Amino acid sequence: MPRTTMCVPDPGWTDPDCPVARTLDLVGDRWSLLVIRDAMDGARSFTEFQRRTGIARNILSDRLRKLTAHGVFAQRTAPSGRRQEYVLTDAGRDLFPVIVTLRQWGERHAFAPGEIHSTLVDRHGAPVPEIAPTGADGTLLDADTAHVRKVR
């Protein structure tokens, strides 16, 4: 299935040729990623996002508007028919490995040894395995074994 464009080119991109920079321009602030994390954990309403994150109403409203405009969220009428809710689009769900990788980095580097933290588990209750990029031949990749091919 072809992928749809999430947004049109913006003359204000931090680095217009870099996918990492463009992604950070769209979802790289703290609140956006926490809202996306909570949506992946079942939050749908403005009130739920605010309660879970503690974010100020005006900032949450701005982030939801931006994430919806850029195709990360879609709005739909809640089953009650009284309110709108926010659901992740395919583009939003594609951020799952990003959230998992950030979580796993945090488990390794943001907690003291033995410090208690939440754990991501699969549907059977087993911890989610470590995400690690591999090359076409299956070998593990890292910053020393991969490089960026510039377009210019």
N, C-alpha and C. Protein backbone atom coordinates (compact mmCIF):
# COMPACT_ATOMS: atom_id res chain seq x y z
N MET A 1 0.84 -1.17 0.00
CA MET A 1 0.00 0.00 0.00
C MET A 1 0.89 1.24 0.00
N PRO A 2 0.63 2.21 -0.88
CA PRO A 2 1.47 3.41 -0.90
C PRO A 2 1.27 4.24 0.36
N ARG A 3 2.31 4.91 0.75
CA ARG A 3 2.25 5.75 1.94
C ARG A 3 1.83 7.15 1.52
N THR A 4 0.99 7.76 2.33
CA THR A 4 0.56 9.11 2.02
C THR A 4 1.49 10.11 2.68
N THR A 5 1.56 11.29 2.09
CA THR A 5 2.39 12.34 2.64
C THR A 5 1.74 12.90 3.90
N MET A 6 2.52 13.01 4.94
CA MET A 6 2.03 13.48 6.22
C MET A 6 1.86 14.99 6.24
N CYS A 7 2.70 15.71 5.50
CA CYS A 7 2.59 17.16 5.49
C CYS A 7 3.29 17.70 4.25
N VAL A 8 2.98 18.92 3.94
CA VAL A 8 3.62 19.57 2.80
C VAL A 8 4.94 20.18 3.25
N PRO A 9 5.89 20.36 2.32
CA PRO A 9 7.16 20.97 2.71
C PRO A 9 6.94 22.32 3.38
N ASP A 10 7.69 22.57 4.41
CA ASP A 10 7.58 23.79 5.19
C ASP A 10 8.87 24.57 5.02
N PRO A 11 8.79 25.83 4.61
CA PRO A 11 10.03 26.59 4.42
C PRO A 11 10.79 26.81 5.73
N GLY A 12 10.15 26.54 6.87
CA GLY A 12 10.79 26.72 8.16
C GLY A 12 11.42 25.47 8.74
N TRP A 13 11.57 24.40 7.92
CA TRP A 13 12.19 23.18 8.44
C TRP A 13 13.55 23.50 9.04
N THR A 14 13.88 22.87 10.14
CA THR A 14 15.18 23.04 10.78
C THR A 14 16.30 22.63 9.82
N ASP A 15 16.13 21.50 9.18
CA ASP A 15 17.10 20.99 8.21
C ASP A 15 16.27 20.24 7.17
N PRO A 16 15.92 20.91 6.06
CA PRO A 16 14.94 20.35 5.13
C PRO A 16 15.30 19.02 4.49
N ASP A 17 16.56 18.66 4.46
CA ASP A 17 16.97 17.40 3.82
C ASP A 17 17.11 16.24 4.80
N CYS A 18 16.95 16.51 6.09
CA CYS A 18 17.19 15.48 7.10
C CYS A 18 15.88 14.95 7.68
N PRO A 19 15.59 13.66 7.50
CA PRO A 19 14.37 13.08 8.07
C PRO A 19 14.31 13.19 9.60
N VAL A 20 15.44 13.12 10.28
CA VAL A 20 15.44 13.23 11.74
C VAL A 20 15.00 14.65 12.14
N ALA A 21 15.57 15.66 11.50
CA ALA A 21 15.22 17.04 11.83
C ALA A 21 13.75 17.31 11.53
N ARG A 22 13.26 16.85 10.38
CA ARG A 22 11.84 17.07 10.05
C ARG A 22 10.93 16.39 11.07
N THR A 23 11.29 15.18 11.47
CA THR A 23 10.49 14.45 12.46
C THR A 23 10.47 15.21 13.78
N LEU A 24 11.63 15.70 14.19
CA LEU A 24 11.68 16.46 15.44
C LEU A 24 10.88 17.75 15.33
N ASP A 25 10.87 18.38 14.16
CA ASP A 25 10.04 19.57 13.97
C ASP A 25 8.57 19.25 14.17
N LEU A 26 8.16 18.04 13.84
CA LEU A 26 6.75 17.65 13.95
C LEU A 26 6.38 17.09 15.33
N VAL A 27 7.21 16.23 15.88
CA VAL A 27 6.82 15.52 17.12
C VAL A 27 7.90 15.54 18.20
N GLY A 28 8.92 16.35 18.04
CA GLY A 28 10.08 16.25 18.91
C GLY A 28 10.03 16.96 20.24
N ASP A 29 8.94 17.64 20.54
CA ASP A 29 8.89 18.27 21.85
C ASP A 29 8.36 17.28 22.88
N ARG A 30 8.65 17.55 24.13
CA ARG A 30 8.29 16.65 25.23
C ARG A 30 6.80 16.32 25.24
N TRP A 31 5.97 17.32 25.15
CA TRP A 31 4.53 17.09 25.31
C TRP A 31 3.95 16.26 24.18
N SER A 32 4.39 16.51 22.95
CA SER A 32 3.85 15.74 21.83
C SER A 32 4.12 14.26 22.00
N LEU A 33 5.34 13.92 22.36
CA LEU A 33 5.67 12.50 22.52
C LEU A 33 4.92 11.87 23.69
N LEU A 34 4.68 12.62 24.76
CA LEU A 34 3.92 12.07 25.87
C LEU A 34 2.45 11.88 25.51
N VAL A 35 1.89 12.79 24.72
CA VAL A 35 0.51 12.62 24.25
C VAL A 35 0.41 11.40 23.34
N ILE A 36 1.38 11.24 22.45
CA ILE A 36 1.40 10.07 21.55
C ILE A 36 1.56 8.80 22.37
N ARG A 37 2.45 8.81 23.36
CA ARG A 37 2.62 7.65 24.25
C ARG A 37 1.30 7.27 24.91
N ASP A 38 0.59 8.27 25.42
CA ASP A 38 -0.66 7.99 26.12
C ASP A 38 -1.75 7.51 25.16
N ALA A 39 -1.74 8.02 23.93
CA ALA A 39 -2.70 7.52 22.94
C ALA A 39 -2.43 6.04 22.66
N MET A 40 -1.17 5.66 22.62
CA MET A 40 -0.81 4.26 22.41
C MET A 40 -1.25 3.41 23.59
N ASP A 41 -1.43 4.05 24.74
CA ASP A 41 -1.86 3.34 25.94
C ASP A 41 -3.36 3.49 26.19
N GLY A 42 -4.09 3.99 25.18
CA GLY A 42 -5.55 4.01 25.25
C GLY A 42 -6.22 5.34 25.50
N ALA A 43 -5.48 6.41 25.75
CA ALA A 43 -6.11 7.71 25.95
C ALA A 43 -6.73 8.18 24.63
N ARG A 44 -7.90 8.81 24.72
CA ARG A 44 -8.58 9.30 23.52
C ARG A 44 -9.09 10.73 23.67
N SER A 45 -9.47 11.10 24.88
CA SER A 45 -10.11 12.41 25.06
C SER A 45 -9.12 13.45 25.57
N PHE A 46 -9.46 14.70 25.31
CA PHE A 46 -8.67 15.82 25.80
C PHE A 46 -8.46 15.68 27.31
N THR A 47 -9.54 15.38 28.01
CA THR A 47 -9.48 15.25 29.48
C THR A 47 -8.52 14.14 29.91
N GLU A 48 -8.55 13.01 29.21
CA GLU A 48 -7.63 11.90 29.54
C GLU A 48 -6.18 12.31 29.34
N PHE A 49 -5.90 12.96 28.20
CA PHE A 49 -4.52 13.40 27.95
C PHE A 49 -4.06 14.37 29.02
N GLN A 50 -4.92 15.29 29.39
CA GLN A 50 -4.55 16.28 30.39
C GLN A 50 -4.32 15.62 31.75
N ARG A 51 -5.20 14.71 32.13
CA ARG A 51 -5.06 14.03 33.42
C ARG A 51 -3.79 13.20 33.48
N ARG A 52 -3.50 12.47 32.41
CA ARG A 52 -2.33 11.59 32.42
C ARG A 52 -1.01 12.34 32.40
N THR A 53 -0.96 13.46 31.67
CA THR A 53 0.31 14.17 31.50
C THR A 53 0.49 15.35 32.44
N GLY A 54 -0.62 15.95 32.90
CA GLY A 54 -0.53 17.16 33.71
C GLY A 54 -0.25 18.41 32.88
N ILE A 55 -0.35 18.30 31.58
CA ILE A 55 -0.08 19.39 30.66
C ILE A 55 -1.14 20.49 30.79
N ALA A 56 -0.72 21.73 30.64
CA ALA A 56 -1.66 22.86 30.67
C ALA A 56 -2.61 22.76 29.48
N ARG A 57 -3.85 23.18 29.67
CA ARG A 57 -4.88 23.07 28.64
C ARG A 57 -4.47 23.74 27.32
N ASN A 58 -3.89 24.94 27.40
CA ASN A 58 -3.53 25.65 26.18
C ASN A 58 -2.42 24.93 25.41
N ILE A 59 -1.47 24.34 26.12
CA ILE A 59 -0.38 23.61 25.46
C ILE A 59 -0.93 22.32 24.85
N LEU A 60 -1.78 21.62 25.59
CA LEU A 60 -2.37 20.39 25.07
C LEU A 60 -3.20 20.69 23.82
N SER A 61 -3.99 21.73 23.87
CA SER A 61 -4.80 22.11 22.72
C SER A 61 -3.92 22.38 21.50
N ASP A 62 -2.83 23.10 21.71
CA ASP A 62 -1.89 23.40 20.63
C ASP A 62 -1.27 22.13 20.07
N ARG A 63 -0.83 21.22 20.94
CA ARG A 63 -0.18 19.99 20.47
C ARG A 63 -1.16 19.10 19.72
N LEU A 64 -2.37 18.95 20.24
CA LEU A 64 -3.36 18.11 19.55
C LEU A 64 -3.71 18.70 18.18
N ARG A 65 -3.82 20.02 18.11
CA ARG A 65 -4.11 20.68 16.83
C ARG A 65 -2.97 20.43 15.83
N LYS A 66 -1.73 20.59 16.28
CA LYS A 66 -0.56 20.38 15.42
C LYS A 66 -0.46 18.92 14.97
N LEU A 67 -0.60 18.00 15.93
CA LEU A 67 -0.48 16.57 15.59
C LEU A 67 -1.60 16.12 14.66
N THR A 68 -2.77 16.70 14.80
CA THR A 68 -3.89 16.38 13.91
C THR A 68 -3.63 16.98 12.52
N ALA A 69 -3.16 18.21 12.48
CA ALA A 69 -2.88 18.87 11.20
C ALA A 69 -1.80 18.13 10.40
N HIS A 70 -0.87 17.50 11.10
CA HIS A 70 0.22 16.79 10.42
C HIS A 70 -0.04 15.29 10.28
N GLY A 71 -1.27 14.87 10.55
CA GLY A 71 -1.66 13.49 10.24
C GLY A 71 -1.24 12.45 11.25
N VAL A 72 -0.84 12.84 12.45
CA VAL A 72 -0.49 11.88 13.49
C VAL A 72 -1.75 11.38 14.20
N PHE A 73 -2.71 12.30 14.39
CA PHE A 73 -4.00 11.99 14.97
C PHE A 73 -5.11 12.31 13.98
N ALA A 74 -6.23 11.66 14.16
CA ALA A 74 -7.48 12.03 13.48
C ALA A 74 -8.51 12.24 14.58
N GLN A 75 -9.47 13.10 14.32
CA GLN A 75 -10.55 13.30 15.28
C GLN A 75 -11.76 12.53 14.79
N ARG A 76 -12.51 11.99 15.73
CA ARG A 76 -13.77 11.33 15.41
C ARG A 76 -14.72 11.55 16.58
N THR A 77 -15.98 11.33 16.31
CA THR A 77 -16.98 11.46 17.36
C THR A 77 -16.88 10.27 18.30
N ALA A 78 -16.84 10.55 19.59
CA ALA A 78 -16.77 9.49 20.60
C ALA A 78 -18.04 8.65 20.55
N PRO A 79 -17.98 7.41 20.99
CA PRO A 79 -19.16 6.54 20.99
C PRO A 79 -20.38 7.16 21.68
N SER A 80 -20.15 8.01 22.68
CA SER A 80 -21.26 8.66 23.37
C SER A 80 -21.98 9.66 22.46
N GLY A 81 -21.27 10.09 21.40
CA GLY A 81 -21.84 11.06 20.48
C GLY A 81 -21.75 12.49 20.97
N ARG A 82 -21.21 12.70 22.15
CA ARG A 82 -21.18 14.04 22.74
C ARG A 82 -19.86 14.78 22.55
N ARG A 83 -18.80 14.07 22.39
CA ARG A 83 -17.48 14.70 22.32
C ARG A 83 -16.67 14.15 21.16
N GLN A 84 -15.61 14.88 20.86
CA GLN A 84 -14.63 14.42 19.89
C GLN A 84 -13.54 13.66 20.63
N GLU A 85 -12.99 12.67 19.95
CA GLU A 85 -11.85 11.99 20.52
C GLU A 85 -10.74 11.94 19.49
N TYR A 86 -9.55 11.70 19.98
CA TYR A 86 -8.36 11.67 19.13
C TYR A 86 -7.88 10.24 19.01
N VAL A 87 -7.67 9.80 17.77
CA VAL A 87 -7.17 8.44 17.53
C VAL A 87 -5.93 8.54 16.66
N LEU A 88 -4.98 7.66 16.91
CA LEU A 88 -3.77 7.63 16.11
C LEU A 88 -4.10 7.18 14.69
N THR A 89 -3.50 7.83 13.73
CA THR A 89 -3.60 7.40 12.33
C THR A 89 -2.52 6.34 12.10
N ASP A 90 -2.42 5.85 10.88
CA ASP A 90 -1.33 4.93 10.55
C ASP A 90 0.02 5.60 10.82
N ALA A 91 0.13 6.88 10.45
CA ALA A 91 1.38 7.62 10.69
C ALA A 91 1.67 7.69 12.18
N GLY A 92 0.65 7.92 12.99
CA GLY A 92 0.83 7.96 14.43
C GLY A 92 1.25 6.62 15.00
N ARG A 93 0.60 5.55 14.53
CA ARG A 93 0.97 4.21 15.01
C ARG A 93 2.38 3.82 14.56
N ASP A 94 2.83 4.40 13.44
CA ASP A 94 4.20 4.13 12.98
C ASP A 94 5.25 4.67 13.96
N LEU A 95 4.84 5.52 14.89
CA LEU A 95 5.77 6.02 15.90
C LEU A 95 5.99 5.03 17.05
N PHE A 96 5.28 3.92 17.06
CA PHE A 96 5.43 2.95 18.15
C PHE A 96 6.88 2.52 18.37
N PRO A 97 7.63 2.13 17.32
CA PRO A 97 9.01 1.74 17.57
C PRO A 97 9.86 2.89 18.13
N VAL A 98 9.53 4.12 17.79
CA VAL A 98 10.25 5.27 18.32
C VAL A 98 10.01 5.37 19.83
N ILE A 99 8.76 5.26 20.24
CA ILE A 99 8.41 5.32 21.66
C ILE A 99 9.07 4.17 22.41
N VAL A 100 9.05 2.97 21.82
CA VAL A 100 9.67 1.80 22.48
C VAL A 100 11.17 2.02 22.61
N THR A 101 11.82 2.53 21.57
CA THR A 101 13.26 2.77 21.62
C THR A 101 13.60 3.82 22.67
N LEU A 102 12.81 4.90 22.75
CA LEU A 102 13.04 5.91 23.79
C LEU A 102 12.87 5.29 25.18
N ARG A 103 11.84 4.46 25.33
CA ARG A 103 11.60 3.79 26.61
C ARG A 103 12.79 2.91 26.98
N GLN A 104 13.27 2.14 26.04
CA GLN A 104 14.37 1.22 26.33
C GLN A 104 15.66 1.98 26.64
N TRP A 105 15.89 3.09 25.94
CA TRP A 105 17.05 3.92 26.26
C TRP A 105 16.90 4.43 27.69
N GLY A 106 15.70 4.91 28.03
CA GLY A 106 15.45 5.41 29.38
C GLY A 106 15.64 4.34 30.45
N GLU A 107 15.23 3.12 30.16
CA GLU A 107 15.42 2.03 31.12
C GLU A 107 16.90 1.81 31.39
N ARG A 108 17.73 1.96 30.36
CA ARG A 108 19.17 1.75 30.52
C ARG A 108 19.90 2.96 31.13
N HIS A 109 19.44 4.18 30.81
CA HIS A 109 20.24 5.37 31.14
C HIS A 109 19.57 6.40 32.05
N ALA A 110 18.27 6.31 32.29
CA ALA A 110 17.58 7.35 33.07
C ALA A 110 17.20 6.88 34.48
N PHE A 111 17.55 5.66 34.83
CA PHE A 111 17.25 5.12 36.15
C PHE A 111 18.52 4.59 36.78
N ALA A 112 18.60 4.72 38.09
CA ALA A 112 19.72 4.13 38.82
C ALA A 112 19.57 2.61 38.81
N PRO A 113 20.66 1.87 38.90
CA PRO A 113 20.56 0.42 38.95
C PRO A 113 19.61 -0.01 40.07
N GLY A 114 18.66 -0.88 39.73
CA GLY A 114 17.70 -1.38 40.70
C GLY A 114 16.51 -0.47 40.95
N GLU A 115 16.54 0.73 40.39
CA GLU A 115 15.41 1.66 40.59
C GLU A 115 14.17 1.13 39.87
N ILE A 116 13.05 1.18 40.53
CA ILE A 116 11.80 0.63 39.99
C ILE A 116 11.24 1.56 38.91
N HIS A 117 10.73 0.96 37.84
CA HIS A 117 10.08 1.71 36.76
C HIS A 117 9.05 0.82 36.09
N SER A 118 8.19 1.43 35.30
CA SER A 118 7.19 0.66 34.56
C SER A 118 7.89 -0.20 33.52
N THR A 119 7.19 -1.22 33.04
CA THR A 119 7.74 -2.15 32.06
C THR A 119 6.74 -2.32 30.92
N LEU A 120 7.22 -2.30 29.72
CA LEU A 120 6.38 -2.56 28.55
C LEU A 120 6.36 -4.06 28.30
N VAL A 121 5.15 -4.62 28.24
CA VAL A 121 5.01 -6.06 28.02
C VAL A 121 4.12 -6.32 26.81
N ASP A 122 4.28 -7.50 26.22
CA ASP A 122 3.43 -7.88 25.09
C ASP A 122 2.10 -8.43 25.61
N ARG A 123 1.24 -8.87 24.73
CA ARG A 123 -0.09 -9.34 25.13
C ARG A 123 -0.07 -10.57 26.03
N HIS A 124 1.08 -11.25 26.09
CA HIS A 124 1.22 -12.43 26.95
C HIS A 124 1.87 -12.09 28.29
N GLY A 125 2.21 -10.81 28.48
CA GLY A 125 2.83 -10.37 29.73
C GLY A 125 4.34 -10.46 29.75
N ALA A 126 4.95 -10.84 28.63
CA ALA A 126 6.40 -10.94 28.56
C ALA A 126 6.99 -9.57 28.20
N PRO A 127 8.13 -9.21 28.80
CA PRO A 127 8.76 -7.93 28.45
C PRO A 127 9.07 -7.86 26.95
N VAL A 128 8.87 -6.67 26.38
CA VAL A 128 9.15 -6.47 24.95
C VAL A 128 10.66 -6.55 24.74
N PRO A 129 11.10 -7.34 23.77
CA PRO A 129 12.55 -7.47 23.53
C PRO A 129 13.18 -6.14 23.09
N GLU A 130 14.45 -6.03 23.31
CA GLU A 130 15.22 -4.85 22.92
C GLU A 130 15.12 -4.64 21.41
N ILE A 131 14.88 -3.40 21.02
CA ILE A 131 14.87 -3.05 19.60
C ILE A 131 16.30 -2.74 19.19
N ALA A 132 16.75 -3.34 18.11
CA ALA A 132 18.11 -3.10 17.62
C ALA A 132 18.09 -3.14 16.10
N PRO A 133 18.57 -2.08 15.45
CA PRO A 133 18.59 -2.07 13.99
C PRO A 133 19.61 -3.08 13.44
N THR A 134 19.23 -3.70 12.34
CA THR A 134 20.12 -4.65 11.69
C THR A 134 20.26 -4.29 10.22
N GLY A 135 21.38 -4.68 9.65
CA GLY A 135 21.63 -4.46 8.23
C GLY A 135 20.92 -5.51 7.40
N ALA A 136 21.02 -5.37 6.10
CA ALA A 136 20.38 -6.31 5.18
C ALA A 136 20.87 -7.74 5.40
N ASP A 137 22.09 -7.88 5.90
CA ASP A 137 22.64 -9.22 6.15
C ASP A 137 22.35 -9.72 7.57
N GLY A 138 21.61 -8.94 8.36
CA GLY A 138 21.23 -9.37 9.69
C GLY A 138 22.18 -8.96 10.80
N THR A 139 23.31 -8.33 10.46
CA THR A 139 24.24 -7.91 11.51
C THR A 139 23.73 -6.65 12.20
N LEU A 140 24.02 -6.54 13.48
CA LEU A 140 23.62 -5.36 14.24
C LEU A 140 24.31 -4.12 13.72
N LEU A 141 23.55 -3.03 13.65
CA LEU A 141 24.09 -1.75 13.22
C LEU A 141 24.22 -0.82 14.42
N ASP A 142 25.20 0.07 14.35
CA ASP A 142 25.34 1.12 15.35
C ASP A 142 25.91 2.36 14.65
N ALA A 143 26.25 3.38 15.43
CA ALA A 143 26.74 4.62 14.85
C ALA A 143 28.05 4.45 14.09
N ASP A 144 28.78 3.38 14.37
CA ASP A 144 30.04 3.13 13.67
C ASP A 144 29.86 2.32 12.40
N THR A 145 28.72 1.65 12.23
CA THR A 145 28.55 0.75 11.09
C THR A 145 27.46 1.21 10.12
N ALA A 146 26.90 2.41 10.32
CA ALA A 146 25.91 2.97 9.40
C ALA A 146 26.26 4.44 9.19
N HIS A 147 25.88 4.97 8.05
CA HIS A 147 26.12 6.39 7.78
C HIS A 147 25.00 6.96 6.92
N VAL A 148 24.92 8.26 6.89
CA VAL A 148 23.90 8.97 6.13
C VAL A 148 24.43 9.25 4.74
N ARG A 149 23.64 8.95 3.72
CA ARG A 149 23.98 9.32 2.36
C ARG A 149 23.28 10.64 2.06
N LYS A 150 24.05 11.69 1.92
CA LYS A 150 23.53 13.04 1.68
C LYS A 150 22.95 13.14 0.28
N VAL A 151 21.94 14.01 0.12
CA VAL A 151 21.31 14.18 -1.18
C VAL A 151 22.00 15.23 -2.05
N ARG A 152 22.86 16.01 -1.49
CA ARG A 152 23.55 17.07 -2.26
C ARG A 152 25.00 16.80 -2.39
